C-alpha atoms as a PDB file:
ATOM      1  CA  MET A   1     -14.528  12.826   0.777  1.00  0.00           C
ATOM      2  CA  ILE A   2     -14.484  13.610  -2.473  1.00  0.00           C
ATOM      3  CA  ILE A   3     -11.486  15.597  -4.081  1.00  0.00           C
ATOM      4  CA  LYS A   4     -12.555  18.687  -6.060  1.00  0.00           C
ATOM      5  CA  GLU A   5      -9.445  20.341  -6.977  1.00  0.00           C
ATOM      6  CA  ILE A   6      -5.640  19.855  -6.307  1.00  0.00           C
ATOM      7  CA  LYS A   7      -3.352  22.998  -6.810  1.00  0.00           C
ATOM      8  CA  LEU A   8       0.356  22.513  -6.992  1.00  0.00           C
ATOM      9  CA  ASP A   9       3.037  24.493  -6.508  1.00  0.00           C
ATOM     10  CA  CYS A  10       7.271  24.129  -7.242  1.00  0.00           C
ATOM     11  CA  PHE A  11       6.118  20.064  -7.654  1.00  0.00           C
ATOM     12  CA  ARG A  12       8.618  18.393  -9.646  1.00  0.00           C
ATOM     13  CA  SER A  13       8.346  19.390 -13.249  1.00  0.00           C
ATOM     14  CA  TYR A  14       5.173  22.027 -12.657  1.00  0.00           C
ATOM     15  CA  LYS A  15       5.878  25.351 -11.243  1.00  0.00           C
ATOM     16  CA  PHE A  16       2.539  25.628 -11.172  1.00  0.00           C
ATOM     17  CA  LEU A  17      -0.361  23.798 -11.714  1.00  0.00           C
ATOM     18  CA  GLU A  18      -4.150  24.216 -10.933  1.00  0.00           C
ATOM     19  CA  THR A  19      -7.061  21.598 -11.868  1.00  0.00           C
ATOM     20  CA  PRO A  20     -10.368  20.307 -11.033  1.00  0.00           C
ATOM     21  CA  ILE A  21     -10.636  16.411 -10.276  1.00  0.00           C
ATOM     22  CA  ASN A  22     -14.040  14.777 -11.203  1.00  0.00           C
ATOM     23  CA  LYS A  23     -16.408  13.005  -8.585  1.00  0.00           C
ATOM     24  CA  GLY A  24     -15.736   9.833 -10.883  1.00  0.00           C
ATOM     25  CA  ILE A  25     -12.835   8.971 -13.299  1.00  0.00           C
ATOM     26  CA  SER A  26     -10.196  11.336 -13.822  1.00  0.00           C
ATOM     27  CA  LEU A  27      -7.687  10.723 -16.610  1.00  0.00           C
ATOM     28  CA  PHE A  28      -4.526  12.128 -17.076  1.00  0.00           C
ATOM     29  CA  TYR A  29      -2.704  10.818 -20.109  1.00  0.00           C
ATOM     30  CA  GLY A  30       0.806  11.648 -22.238  1.00  0.00           C
ATOM     31  CA  ASP A  31       4.211  10.412 -22.812  1.00  0.00           C
ATOM     32  CA  ASN A  32       6.275   9.053 -20.588  1.00  0.00           C
ATOM     33  CA  GLY A  33       8.307  11.973 -18.940  1.00  0.00           C
ATOM     34  CA  SER A  34       5.275  14.459 -19.684  1.00  0.00           C
ATOM     35  CA  GLY A  35       4.467  14.757 -15.752  1.00  0.00           C
ATOM     36  CA  LYS A  36       1.131  12.579 -15.324  1.00  0.00           C
ATOM     37  CA  SER A  37       2.477  10.659 -12.785  1.00  0.00           C
ATOM     38  CA  SER A  38       3.862  13.273 -10.911  1.00  0.00           C
ATOM     39  CA  ILE A  39      -0.084  14.398 -10.441  1.00  0.00           C
ATOM     40  CA  ILE A  40      -0.817  10.886  -8.796  1.00  0.00           C
ATOM     41  CA  GLU A  41       2.211  11.425  -6.601  1.00  0.00           C
ATOM     42  CA  SER A  42       1.180  14.890  -5.338  1.00  0.00           C
ATOM     43  CA  VAL A  43      -1.744  13.851  -4.053  1.00  0.00           C
ATOM     44  CA  TYR A  44      -0.637  10.119  -2.463  1.00  0.00           C
ATOM     45  CA  PHE A  45       1.727  12.876  -1.018  1.00  0.00           C
ATOM     46  CA  ALA A  46      -0.734  15.231   0.260  1.00  0.00           C
ATOM     47  CA  LEU A  47      -2.524  12.038   1.733  1.00  0.00           C
ATOM     48  CA  THR A  48       0.212  10.833   3.563  1.00  0.00           C
ATOM     49  CA  GLY A  49       3.109  12.778   3.663  1.00  0.00           C
ATOM     50  CA  LYS A  50       4.977  10.210   1.391  1.00  0.00           C
ATOM     51  CA  SER A  51       6.162   9.345  -1.758  1.00  0.00           C
ATOM     52  CA  PHE A  52       5.917   5.936  -3.925  1.00  0.00           C
ATOM     53  CA  ARG A  53       8.517   7.146  -5.942  1.00  0.00           C
ATOM     54  CA  THR A  54      11.383   8.375  -3.930  1.00  0.00           C
ATOM     55  CA  ASN A  55      12.196   7.648  -0.362  1.00  0.00           C
ATOM     56  CA  ASP A  56      13.695  11.825   0.124  1.00  0.00           C
ATOM     57  CA  THR A  57      10.927  14.243  -0.207  1.00  0.00           C
ATOM     58  CA  ASN A  58      13.560  16.714  -1.283  1.00  0.00           C
ATOM     59  CA  ASN A  59      13.360  15.640  -4.559  1.00  0.00           C
ATOM     60  CA  LEU A  60       9.460  16.524  -4.873  1.00  0.00           C
ATOM     61  CA  ILE A  61      10.275  19.992  -5.017  1.00  0.00           C
ATOM     62  CA  GLN A  62      11.713  21.551  -7.888  1.00  0.00           C
ATOM     63  CA  LYS A  63      14.986  22.050  -9.023  1.00  0.00           C
ATOM     64  CA  ASN A  64      16.394  25.784  -7.692  1.00  0.00           C
ATOM     65  CA  LYS A  65      13.585  26.323  -5.517  1.00  0.00           C
ATOM     66  CA  ASN A  66      13.225  25.982  -1.640  1.00  0.00           C
ATOM     67  CA  GLN A  67       9.968  24.570  -1.480  1.00  0.00           C
ATOM     68  CA  THR A  68       6.903  22.983  -2.430  1.00  0.00           C
ATOM     69  CA  GLN A  69       3.086  22.894  -1.912  1.00  0.00           C
ATOM     70  CA  THR A  70       0.261  20.836  -2.894  1.00  0.00           C
ATOM     71  CA  LEU A  71      -3.374  21.510  -1.954  1.00  0.00           C
ATOM     72  CA  ILE A  72      -5.984  19.091  -2.232  1.00  0.00           C
ATOM     73  CA  VAL A  73      -9.905  20.530  -1.797  1.00  0.00           C
ATOM     74  CA  PHE A  74     -12.377  18.471  -0.999  1.00  0.00           C
ATOM     75  CA  ASP A  75     -16.077  18.906  -2.187  1.00  0.00           C
ATOM     76  CA  GLY A  76     -17.649  20.035   1.274  1.00  0.00           C
ATOM     77  CA  GLY A  77     -15.013  22.760   1.260  1.00  0.00           C
ATOM     78  CA  SER A  78     -12.232  21.703   3.824  1.00  0.00           C
ATOM     79  CA  SER A  79      -8.534  21.477   2.269  1.00  0.00           C
ATOM     80  CA  VAL A  80      -5.391  20.100   3.191  1.00  0.00           C
ATOM     81  CA  LYS A  81      -2.145  21.829   2.654  1.00  0.00           C
ATOM     82  CA  ILE A  82       0.960  19.953   2.641  1.00  0.00           C
ATOM     83  CA  THR A  83       4.332  21.997   2.543  1.00  0.00           C
ATOM     84  CA  LYS A  84       7.561  20.573   2.367  1.00  0.00           C
ATOM     85  CA  LYS A  85      10.539  23.064   2.504  1.00  0.00           C
ATOM     86  CA  ARG A  86      14.403  21.459   1.657  1.00  0.00           C
ATOM     87  CA  ASP A  87      15.999  19.686   4.504  1.00  0.00           C
ATOM     88  CA  ASN A  88      12.843  20.699   6.751  1.00  0.00           C
ATOM     89  CA  ARG A  89       9.996  18.316   7.911  1.00  0.00           C
ATOM     90  CA  THR A  90       6.796  18.345   5.955  1.00  0.00           C
ATOM     91  CA  GLN A  91       4.374  20.715   7.400  1.00  0.00           C
ATOM     92  CA  ILE A  92       0.200  20.303   7.610  1.00  0.00           C
ATOM     93  CA  SER A  93      -2.335  22.660   7.133  1.00  0.00           C
ATOM     94  CA  GLN A  94      -5.873  22.305   7.179  1.00  0.00           C
ATOM     95  CA  ASN A  95      -8.801  24.305   6.388  1.00  0.00           C
ATOM     96  CA  ARG A  96      -8.132  27.734   7.833  1.00  0.00           C
ATOM     97  CA  GLY A  97      -4.746  26.949   8.842  1.00  0.00           C
ATOM     98  CA  GLU A  98      -4.880  24.575  11.533  1.00  0.00           C
ATOM     99  CA  LYS A  99      -1.728  23.095  11.592  1.00  0.00           C
ATOM    100  CA  THR A 100      -0.944  19.550  13.024  1.00  0.00           C
ATOM    101  CA  THR A 101       1.922  17.251  12.449  1.00  0.00           C
ATOM    102  CA  ASN A 102      -0.071  14.236  12.968  1.00  0.00           C
ATOM    103  CA  PHE A 103      -0.114  12.200   9.425  1.00  0.00           C
ATOM    104  CA  THR A 104      -1.572   9.365  11.021  1.00  0.00           C
ATOM    105  CA  LYS A 105      -4.352  11.023  11.864  1.00  0.00           C
ATOM    106  CA  LEU A 106      -4.684  12.154   8.099  1.00  0.00           C
ATOM    107  CA  VAL A 107      -3.983   8.869   6.652  1.00  0.00           C
ATOM    108  CA  ARG A 108      -6.915   7.439   9.100  1.00  0.00           C
ATOM    109  CA  LYS A 109      -9.344  10.377   8.060  1.00  0.00           C
ATOM    110  CA  HIS A 110      -8.887  10.286   3.909  1.00  0.00           C
ATOM    111  CA  PRO A 111      -7.719   6.866   3.098  1.00  0.00           C
ATOM    112  CA  ASN A 112      -6.422   6.104  -0.548  1.00  0.00           C
ATOM    113  CA  CYS A 113      -5.682   2.906  -2.601  1.00  0.00           C
ATOM    114  CA  LEU A 114      -2.385   3.400  -4.895  1.00  0.00           C
ATOM    115  CA  ILE A 115      -1.734   1.089  -7.789  1.00  0.00           C
ATOM    116  CA  GLU A 116       1.519   1.601  -9.285  1.00  0.00           C
ATOM    117  CA  ASN A 117       4.211   0.146 -11.051  1.00  0.00           C
ATOM    118  CA  LYS A 118       5.828  -1.978  -8.203  1.00  0.00           C
ATOM    119  CA  GLU A 119       2.779  -2.778  -7.051  1.00  0.00           C
ATOM    120  CA  PHE A 120       1.124  -4.211 -10.495  1.00  0.00           C
ATOM    121  CA  PHE A 121       2.634  -7.529 -10.412  1.00  0.00           C
ATOM    122  CA  PHE A 122       2.143  -9.215  -6.552  1.00  0.00           C
ATOM    123  CA  THR A 123       2.658 -12.201  -7.812  1.00  0.00           C
ATOM    124  CA  THR A 124       6.045 -11.290  -8.337  1.00  0.00           C
ATOM    125  CA  SER A 125       6.500  -8.854  -5.530  1.00  0.00           C
ATOM    126  CA  ASN A 126       9.177  -9.119  -3.065  1.00  0.00           C
ATOM    127  CA  PRO A 127       7.811  -9.841   0.755  1.00  0.00           C
ATOM    128  CA  GLU A 128       8.481  -5.921   2.139  1.00  0.00           C
ATOM    129  CA  GLN A 129       5.989  -4.947  -1.187  1.00  0.00           C
ATOM    130  CA  LYS A 130       3.431  -7.473   0.153  1.00  0.00           C
ATOM    131  CA  ARG A 131       4.043  -7.048   3.592  1.00  0.00           C
ATOM    132  CA  SER A 132       3.198  -3.398   3.099  1.00  0.00           C
ATOM    133  CA  PHE A 133       0.352  -4.333   1.765  1.00  0.00           C
ATOM    134  CA  LEU A 134      -0.948  -6.057   4.539  1.00  0.00           C
ATOM    135  CA  ASN A 135      -0.240  -3.536   6.777  1.00  0.00           C
ATOM    136  CA  LYS A 136      -1.761  -1.159   5.297  1.00  0.00           C
ATOM    137  CA  THR A 137      -5.154  -2.833   5.194  1.00  0.00           C
ATOM    138  CA  LEU A 138      -4.641  -3.608   8.612  1.00  0.00           C
ATOM    139  CA  PHE A 139      -4.146  -0.345   9.597  1.00  0.00           C
ATOM    140  CA  TYR A 140      -7.830   0.159   8.881  1.00  0.00           C
ATOM    141  CA  VAL A 141      -9.035  -2.650  10.073  1.00  0.00           C
ATOM    142  CA  GLU A 142      -7.403  -3.558  13.331  1.00  0.00           C
ATOM    143  CA  GLN A 143      -6.532  -0.385  15.317  1.00  0.00           C
ATOM    144  CA  THR A 144      -3.793  -2.784  17.711  1.00  0.00           C
ATOM    145  CA  GLY A 145      -2.297  -4.029  14.228  1.00  0.00           C
ATOM    146  CA  SER A 146      -0.037  -0.977  13.621  1.00  0.00           C
ATOM    147  CA  VAL A 147       0.635  -0.999  17.349  1.00  0.00           C
ATOM    148  CA  LEU A 148       1.851  -4.740  17.399  1.00  0.00           C
ATOM    149  CA  ILE A 149       3.667  -4.086  13.808  1.00  0.00           C
ATOM    150  CA  ASN A 150       5.598  -1.295  15.495  1.00  0.00           C
ATOM    151  CA  GLU A 151       6.537  -3.334  18.329  1.00  0.00           C
ATOM    152  CA  VAL A 152       7.940  -5.887  16.168  1.00  0.00           C
ATOM    153  CA  LYS A 153       9.767  -3.514  14.421  1.00  0.00           C
ATOM    154  CA  LYS A 154      11.581  -2.535  17.878  1.00  0.00           C
ATOM    155  CA  ILE A 155      12.175  -6.230  19.333  1.00  0.00           C
ATOM    156  CA  THR A 156      13.898  -7.355  16.071  1.00  0.00           C
ATOM    157  CA  SER A 157      15.823  -4.301  16.051  1.00  0.00           C
ATOM    158  CA  GLN A 158      16.840  -4.343  19.735  1.00  0.00           C
ATOM    159  CA  ARG A 159      17.557  -8.074  18.854  1.00  0.00           C
ATOM    160  CA  ALA A 160      19.644  -7.328  16.019  1.00  0.00           C
ATOM    161  CA  ALA A 161      22.141  -4.484  17.944  1.00  0.00           C
ATOM    162  CA  CYS A 162      22.078  -7.540  20.923  1.00  0.00           C
ATOM    163  CA  LEU A 163      23.697  -9.999  17.955  1.00  0.00           C
ATOM    164  CA  LYS A 164      26.089  -7.008  16.677  1.00  0.00           C
ATOM    165  CA  ASN A 165      27.467  -6.120  19.934  1.00  0.00           C
ATOM    166  CA  LYS A 166      27.373 -10.379  21.114  1.00  0.00           C
ATOM    167  CA  ASP A 167      25.279  -9.428  23.802  1.00  0.00           C
ATOM    168  CA  TYR A 168      23.876 -12.626  24.105  1.00  0.00           C
ATOM    169  CA  ASN A 169      22.748 -12.232  27.600  1.00  0.00           C
ATOM    170  CA  GLN A 170      20.047  -9.532  26.304  1.00  0.00           C
ATOM    171  CA  ILE A 171      18.845 -11.959  23.305  1.00  0.00           C
ATOM    172  CA  LYS A 172      17.247 -14.052  25.300  1.00  0.00           C
ATOM    173  CA  TYR A 173      14.993 -11.119  26.551  1.00  0.00           C
ATOM    174  CA  TRP A 174      13.833 -10.486  23.045  1.00  0.00           C
ATOM    175  CA  ASP A 175      13.606 -13.759  22.159  1.00  0.00           C
ATOM    176  CA  GLU A 176      10.873 -13.938  24.604  1.00  0.00           C
ATOM    177  CA  LYS A 177       9.158 -10.887  23.949  1.00  0.00           C
ATOM    178  CA  LEU A 178       9.158 -11.937  20.013  1.00  0.00           C
ATOM    179  CA  ILE A 179       7.604 -15.509  21.147  1.00  0.00           C
ATOM    180  CA  GLU A 180       5.083 -13.693  23.099  1.00  0.00           C
ATOM    181  CA  ILE A 181       4.019 -11.218  20.057  1.00  0.00           C
ATOM    182  CA  GLU A 182       4.307 -13.622  17.139  1.00  0.00           C
ATOM    183  CA  PRO A 183       0.962 -15.525  17.454  1.00  0.00           C
ATOM    184  CA  LYS A 184      -0.897 -11.940  17.914  1.00  0.00           C
ATOM    185  CA  ILE A 185       0.526 -10.810  14.670  1.00  0.00           C
ATOM    186  CA  TYR A 186      -0.205 -14.977  13.087  1.00  0.00           C
ATOM    187  CA  THR A 187      -4.387 -13.993  14.574  1.00  0.00           C
ATOM    188  CA  LEU A 188      -4.543 -10.841  12.611  1.00  0.00           C
ATOM    189  CA  ASN A 189      -2.953 -11.978   9.240  1.00  0.00           C
ATOM    190  CA  THR A 190      -4.123 -14.837   9.004  1.00  0.00           C
ATOM    191  CA  ASN A 191      -7.538 -13.547   9.798  1.00  0.00           C
ATOM    192  CA  LEU A 192      -6.751 -10.670   7.270  1.00  0.00           C
ATOM    193  CA  CYS A 193      -6.046 -13.490   4.453  1.00  0.00           C
ATOM    194  CA  ASN A 194      -9.151 -15.501   5.213  1.00  0.00           C
ATOM    195  CA  LYS A 195     -11.446 -11.882   4.635  1.00  0.00           C
ATOM    196  CA  ILE A 196      -9.463 -10.872   1.471  1.00  0.00           C
ATOM    197  CA  ASN A 197     -10.180 -14.865   0.106  1.00  0.00           C
ATOM    198  CA  ASN A 198     -14.026 -14.516   1.080  1.00  0.00           C
ATOM    199  CA  TYR A 199     -14.338 -11.641  -1.039  1.00  0.00           C
ATOM    200  CA  LEU A 200     -12.438 -13.352  -3.855  1.00  0.00           C
ATOM    201  CA  GLN A 201     -15.020 -15.959  -3.372  1.00  0.00           C
ATOM    202  CA  HIS A 202     -17.954 -13.852  -2.917  1.00  0.00           C
ATOM    203  CA  SER A 203     -17.819 -10.284  -4.202  1.00  0.00           C
ATOM    204  CA  ASP A 204     -19.550  -8.555  -6.291  1.00  0.00           C
ATOM    205  CA  LEU A 205     -16.492  -6.937  -7.707  1.00  0.00           C
ATOM    206  CA  VAL A 206     -15.267 -10.563  -8.570  1.00  0.00           C
ATOM    207  CA  LYS A 207     -18.041 -11.541 -10.460  1.00  0.00           C
ATOM    208  CA  SER A 208     -17.675  -8.526 -12.569  1.00  0.00           C
ATOM    209  CA  PHE A 209     -14.484 -10.026 -13.903  1.00  0.00           C
ATOM    210  CA  GLU A 210     -15.184 -13.735 -13.825  1.00  0.00           C
ATOM    211  CA  GLU A 211     -16.792 -14.020 -17.413  1.00  0.00           C
ATOM    212  CA  LYS A 212     -13.659 -13.001 -18.940  1.00  0.00           C
ATOM    213  CA  ASN A 213     -11.435 -14.891 -16.541  1.00  0.00           C
ATOM    214  CA  PRO A 214     -12.869 -17.863 -15.108  1.00  0.00           C
ATOM    215  CA  TRP A 215      -9.582 -18.505 -13.477  1.00  0.00           C
ATOM    216  CA  ILE A 216     -10.281 -16.811 -10.877  1.00  0.00           C
ATOM    217  CA  ASN A 217     -12.432 -18.899  -9.112  1.00  0.00           C
ATOM    218  CA  GLU A 218      -9.447 -20.696  -8.375  1.00  0.00           C
ATOM    219  CA  LEU A 219      -7.489 -17.845  -6.769  1.00  0.00           C
ATOM    220  CA  ASN A 220      -6.788 -17.460  -3.415  1.00  0.00           C
ATOM    221  CA  ILE A 221      -4.264 -16.062  -1.038  1.00  0.00           C
ATOM    222  CA  GLN A 222      -1.879 -17.759   1.534  1.00  0.00           C
ATOM    223  CA  TYR A 223      -0.510 -16.149   4.751  1.00  0.00           C
ATOM    224  CA  ASP A 224       3.017 -16.317   5.332  1.00  0.00           C
ATOM    225  CA  PRO A 225       4.365 -16.003   8.523  1.00  0.00           C
ATOM    226  CA  GLY A 226       8.102 -15.493   7.868  1.00  0.00           C
ATOM    227  CA  TYR A 227       8.709 -18.742   9.047  1.00  0.00           C
ATOM    228  CA  ASP A 228       8.257 -22.626   8.416  1.00  0.00           C
ATOM    229  CA  GLY A 229       4.308 -22.084   9.854  1.00  0.00           C
ATOM    230  CA  PHE A 230       4.590 -25.982  10.942  1.00  0.00           C
ATOM    231  CA  SER A 231       7.258 -25.171  13.705  1.00  0.00           C
ATOM    232  CA  ASN A 232       7.084 -23.793  16.850  1.00  0.00           C
ATOM    233  CA  TYR A 233       8.518 -20.146  16.648  1.00  0.00           C
ATOM    234  CA  SER A 234      10.456 -20.631  19.735  1.00  0.00           C
ATOM    235  CA  ASP A 235      12.342 -23.660  17.917  1.00  0.00           C
ATOM    236  CA  VAL A 236      12.595 -21.418  14.975  1.00  0.00           C
ATOM    237  CA  LEU A 237      15.052 -19.064  16.947  1.00  0.00           C
ATOM    238  CA  SER A 238      16.875 -21.880  18.755  1.00  0.00           C
ATOM    239  CA  LYS A 239      17.408 -23.307  15.785  1.00  0.00           C
ATOM    240  CA  ASN A 240      18.852 -20.407  13.608  1.00  0.00           C
ATOM    241  CA  PHE A 241      20.538 -19.309  16.208  1.00  0.00           C
ATOM    242  CA  GLU A 242      24.426 -19.498  14.611  1.00  0.00           C
ATOM    243  CA  LYS A 243      23.089 -17.995  11.628  1.00  0.00           C
ATOM    244  CA  ASP A 244      21.248 -15.163  13.159  1.00  0.00           C
ATOM    245  CA  CYS A 245      24.821 -14.707  14.953  1.00  0.00           C
ATOM    246  CA  MET A 246      27.052 -14.469  11.623  1.00  0.00           C
ATOM    247  CA  PHE A 247      24.193 -12.490   9.704  1.00  0.00           C
ATOM    248  CA  LYS A 248      23.483 -10.095  12.895  1.00  0.00           C
ATOM    249  CA  ARG A 249      19.955  -9.835  12.411  1.00  0.00           C
ATOM    250  CA  THR A 250      16.490 -12.286  12.667  1.00  0.00           C
ATOM    251  CA  THR A 251      16.455 -13.904   9.820  1.00  0.00           C
ATOM    252  CA  GLU A 252      12.936 -15.706  10.025  1.00  0.00           C
ATOM    253  CA  GLY A 253      10.121 -14.293  12.165  1.00  0.00           C
ATOM    254  CA  PRO A 254       6.406 -12.305  11.882  1.00  0.00           C
ATOM    255  CA  HIS A 255       9.004  -9.289  10.346  1.00  0.00           C
ATOM    256  CA  ARG A 256       9.257 -11.472   7.577  1.00  0.00           C
ATOM    257  CA  ARG A 257       5.525 -12.269   6.716  1.00  0.00           C
ATOM    258  CA  SER A 258       3.747 -11.883   3.737  1.00  0.00           C
ATOM    259  CA  PHE A 259       1.458 -13.806   1.280  1.00  0.00           C
ATOM    260  CA  ASN A 260       1.803 -16.169  -1.479  1.00  0.00           C
ATOM    261  CA  ILE A 261      -0.995 -15.594  -4.548  1.00  0.00           C
ATOM    262  CA  LEU A 262      -2.205 -19.666  -5.736  1.00  0.00           C
ATOM    263  CA  LEU A 263      -4.219 -20.453  -8.461  1.00  0.00           C
ATOM    264  CA  ASN A 264      -5.154 -24.438  -7.870  1.00  0.00           C
ATOM    265  CA  ASP A 265      -2.745 -24.416  -5.291  1.00  0.00           C
ATOM    266  CA  LYS A 266       0.174 -23.081  -7.226  1.00  0.00           C
ATOM    267  CA  ASP A 267       2.215 -19.941  -7.707  1.00  0.00           C
ATOM    268  CA  ALA A 268      -0.256 -17.891  -9.776  1.00  0.00           C
ATOM    269  CA  SER A 269       2.766 -16.074 -11.580  1.00  0.00           C
ATOM    270  CA  GLU A 270       3.990 -19.787 -13.315  1.00  0.00           C
ATOM    271  CA  THR A 271       0.395 -19.960 -15.363  1.00  0.00           C
ATOM    272  CA  LEU A 272      -0.801 -16.729 -15.768  1.00  0.00           C
ATOM    273  CA  SER A 273       0.112 -14.053 -18.436  1.00  0.00           C
ATOM    274  CA  ARG A 274       1.596 -10.463 -17.248  1.00  0.00           C
ATOM    275  CA  GLY A 275      -1.776  -8.884 -18.245  1.00  0.00           C
ATOM    276  CA  GLN A 276      -3.880 -11.747 -16.061  1.00  0.00           C
ATOM    277  CA  GLN A 277      -1.451 -10.838 -13.200  1.00  0.00           C
ATOM    278  CA  LYS A 278      -1.991  -7.373 -13.313  1.00  0.00           C
ATOM    279  CA  ILE A 279      -5.595  -7.846 -13.304  1.00  0.00           C
ATOM    280  CA  ILE A 280      -5.164  -9.556 -10.005  1.00  0.00           C
ATOM    281  CA  SER A 281      -3.605  -7.227  -8.574  1.00  0.00           C
ATOM    282  CA  ILE A 282      -6.231  -4.615  -9.764  1.00  0.00           C
ATOM    283  CA  ILE A 283      -8.483  -6.798  -8.310  1.00  0.00           C
ATOM    284  CA  LEU A 284      -6.784  -7.033  -4.800  1.00  0.00           C
ATOM    285  CA  HIS A 285      -6.481  -3.720  -4.541  1.00  0.00           C
ATOM    286  CA  LEU A 286     -10.226  -2.775  -5.049  1.00  0.00           C
ATOM    287  CA  ILE A 287     -10.735  -5.318  -2.542  1.00  0.00           C
ATOM    288  CA  GLN A 288      -8.654  -3.660  -0.008  1.00  0.00           C
ATOM    289  CA  ARG A 289     -10.784  -0.358  -0.743  1.00  0.00           C
ATOM    290  CA  GLU A 290     -13.427  -2.330   0.117  1.00  0.00           C
ATOM    291  CA  ILE A 291     -12.500  -3.711   3.243  1.00  0.00           C
ATOM    292  CA  ILE A 292     -11.559  -0.081   4.104  1.00  0.00           C
ATOM    293  CA  ILE A 293     -15.083   1.028   3.509  1.00  0.00           C
ATOM    294  CA  GLU A 294     -16.564  -1.898   5.736  1.00  0.00           C
ATOM    295  CA  HIS A 295     -14.466  -1.447   8.539  1.00  0.00           C
ATOM    296  CA  THR A 296     -14.402   2.563   8.505  1.00  0.00           C
ATOM    297  CA  LYS A 297     -17.396   3.934   6.417  1.00  0.00           C
ATOM    298  CA  LEU A 298     -15.061   6.236   4.730  1.00  0.00           C
ATOM    299  CA  THR A 299     -14.877   6.250   0.727  1.00  0.00           C
ATOM    300  CA  PRO A 300     -10.766   5.562  -0.380  1.00  0.00           C
ATOM    301  CA  ILE A 301      -9.981   7.809  -3.254  1.00  0.00           C
ATOM    302  CA  LEU A 302      -8.255   5.212  -5.965  1.00  0.00           C
ATOM    303  CA  LEU A 303      -5.065   6.308  -7.155  1.00  0.00           C
ATOM    304  CA  MET A 304      -3.431   4.708 -10.645  1.00  0.00           C
ATOM    305  CA  ASP A 305      -0.652   4.725 -12.355  1.00  0.00           C
ATOM    306  CA  ASP A 306       0.537   3.862 -15.952  1.00  0.00           C
ATOM    307  CA  ILE A 307      -2.943   1.687 -15.794  1.00  0.00           C
ATOM    308  CA  SER A 308      -2.890   0.671 -20.114  1.00  0.00           C
ATOM    309  CA  SER A 309       0.505  -0.999 -19.485  1.00  0.00           C
ATOM    310  CA  GLU A 310      -0.093  -4.844 -20.148  1.00  0.00           C
ATOM    311  CA  LEU A 311      -3.898  -4.869 -19.266  1.00  0.00           C
ATOM    312  CA  ASP A 312      -6.084  -5.795 -22.474  1.00  0.00           C
ATOM    313  CA  LYS A 313      -9.039  -3.547 -23.548  1.00  0.00           C
ATOM    314  CA  GLU A 314     -11.554  -5.531 -22.364  1.00  0.00           C
ATOM    315  CA  ASN A 315     -10.523  -6.437 -18.947  1.00  0.00           C
ATOM    316  CA  ALA A 316      -9.886  -2.455 -18.890  1.00  0.00           C
ATOM    317  CA  ASN A 317     -13.354  -2.207 -19.921  1.00  0.00           C
ATOM    318  CA  LEU A 318     -14.640  -4.273 -17.284  1.00  0.00           C
ATOM    319  CA  MET A 319     -12.317  -2.458 -14.745  1.00  0.00           C
ATOM    320  CA  LEU A 320     -13.936   0.833 -15.618  1.00  0.00           C
ATOM    321  CA  LYS A 321     -17.748  -0.661 -15.472  1.00  0.00           C
ATOM    322  CA  TYR A 322     -17.068  -1.407 -11.882  1.00  0.00           C
ATOM    323  CA  LEU A 323     -15.430   2.114 -11.063  1.00  0.00           C
ATOM    324  CA  ILE A 324     -18.752   3.859 -12.468  1.00  0.00           C
ATOM    325  CA  ASP A 325     -20.924   1.672 -11.246  1.00  0.00           C
ATOM    326  CA  ASN A 326     -19.785   1.797  -8.015  1.00  0.00           C
ATOM    327  CA  SER A 327     -18.857   5.593  -8.189  1.00  0.00           C
ATOM    328  CA  VAL A 328     -15.231   5.111  -7.351  1.00  0.00           C
ATOM    329  CA  GLN A 329     -13.456   8.359  -7.098  1.00  0.00           C
ATOM    330  CA  THR A 330     -10.308   7.271  -9.447  1.00  0.00           C
ATOM    331  CA  ILE A 331      -7.480   9.574 -10.173  1.00  0.00           C
ATOM    332  CA  MET A 332      -5.487   7.267 -13.444  1.00  0.00           C
ATOM    333  CA  THR A 333      -2.718   8.023 -15.824  1.00  0.00           C
ATOM    334  CA  SER A 334      -2.269   6.322 -18.966  1.00  0.00           C
ATOM    335  CA  ILE A 335       0.174   6.437 -22.176  1.00  0.00           C
ATOM    336  CA  ASP A 336      -2.900   7.130 -24.011  1.00  0.00           C
ATOM    337  CA  PHE A 337      -6.611   8.186 -23.941  1.00  0.00           C
ATOM    338  CA  SER A 338      -7.952   4.893 -25.466  1.00  0.00           C
END
């Protein structure tokens, strides 16, 4: 679904903003601190109920105001309005005032792919950021994925409580739960990584960057299960028991899963420039978008914050050509127009 218009009320530095959005690329440019990233943030907030810049959505409300509202109007006439009152839960209104508190359904109905500073360099991102990328993609690829991921969080939380309280009798129960669920998490994530690698090898997206960046042909991602994958996970839990007791948490396991980006089987960050690493991140997010389309038949909007940073002009032009040729609705920010 194509976004047609954005309206903001008391959002960050904007007392009020009303701006049309193009079906293709909409570029907001200006100096640092001019409020351009807040536009990207407002769209992300309206589609997810979250911010990628702060964990406290009260910070989105303009100073000395009690609430903020973001309205997204789509090309078919439907709309989503998000209202956040200070120290209250965020509320969703759709179309003619129909209310729902289910952000999961909203996210599933209106997917987006966000590329911002923390995610520009997957080669040096921490495991949590990479795990978030895997989790978001699995959300659209496999219905059971989110259920399993939430179950892992619950199990590790309960196990951590037992370690903290020295309730060692209960730990065996949670160990068994972890050992039971780990192969399912492993299979889901390895299949996803294999799918991404298949896109890296065969997609038209990657081919559009190949001539300028031939090294892409040697690129692949490798799933990291969060422990020594050559060991039986039950043995890992046994081996780490004393360490887990000391740290009062499960130090290795599926809750620590991630992925590595390899070039000729070596860490890509060791040989590639930051500009090349940024290309990898852009390509991975565009692959994520193509995977979502493949599995949902929906067309995610692409949100790109500070796109001009460390990306050379030739690769920027290749990216823009891909977006234009594939009719990708994109909202991006940059310091300058060029």
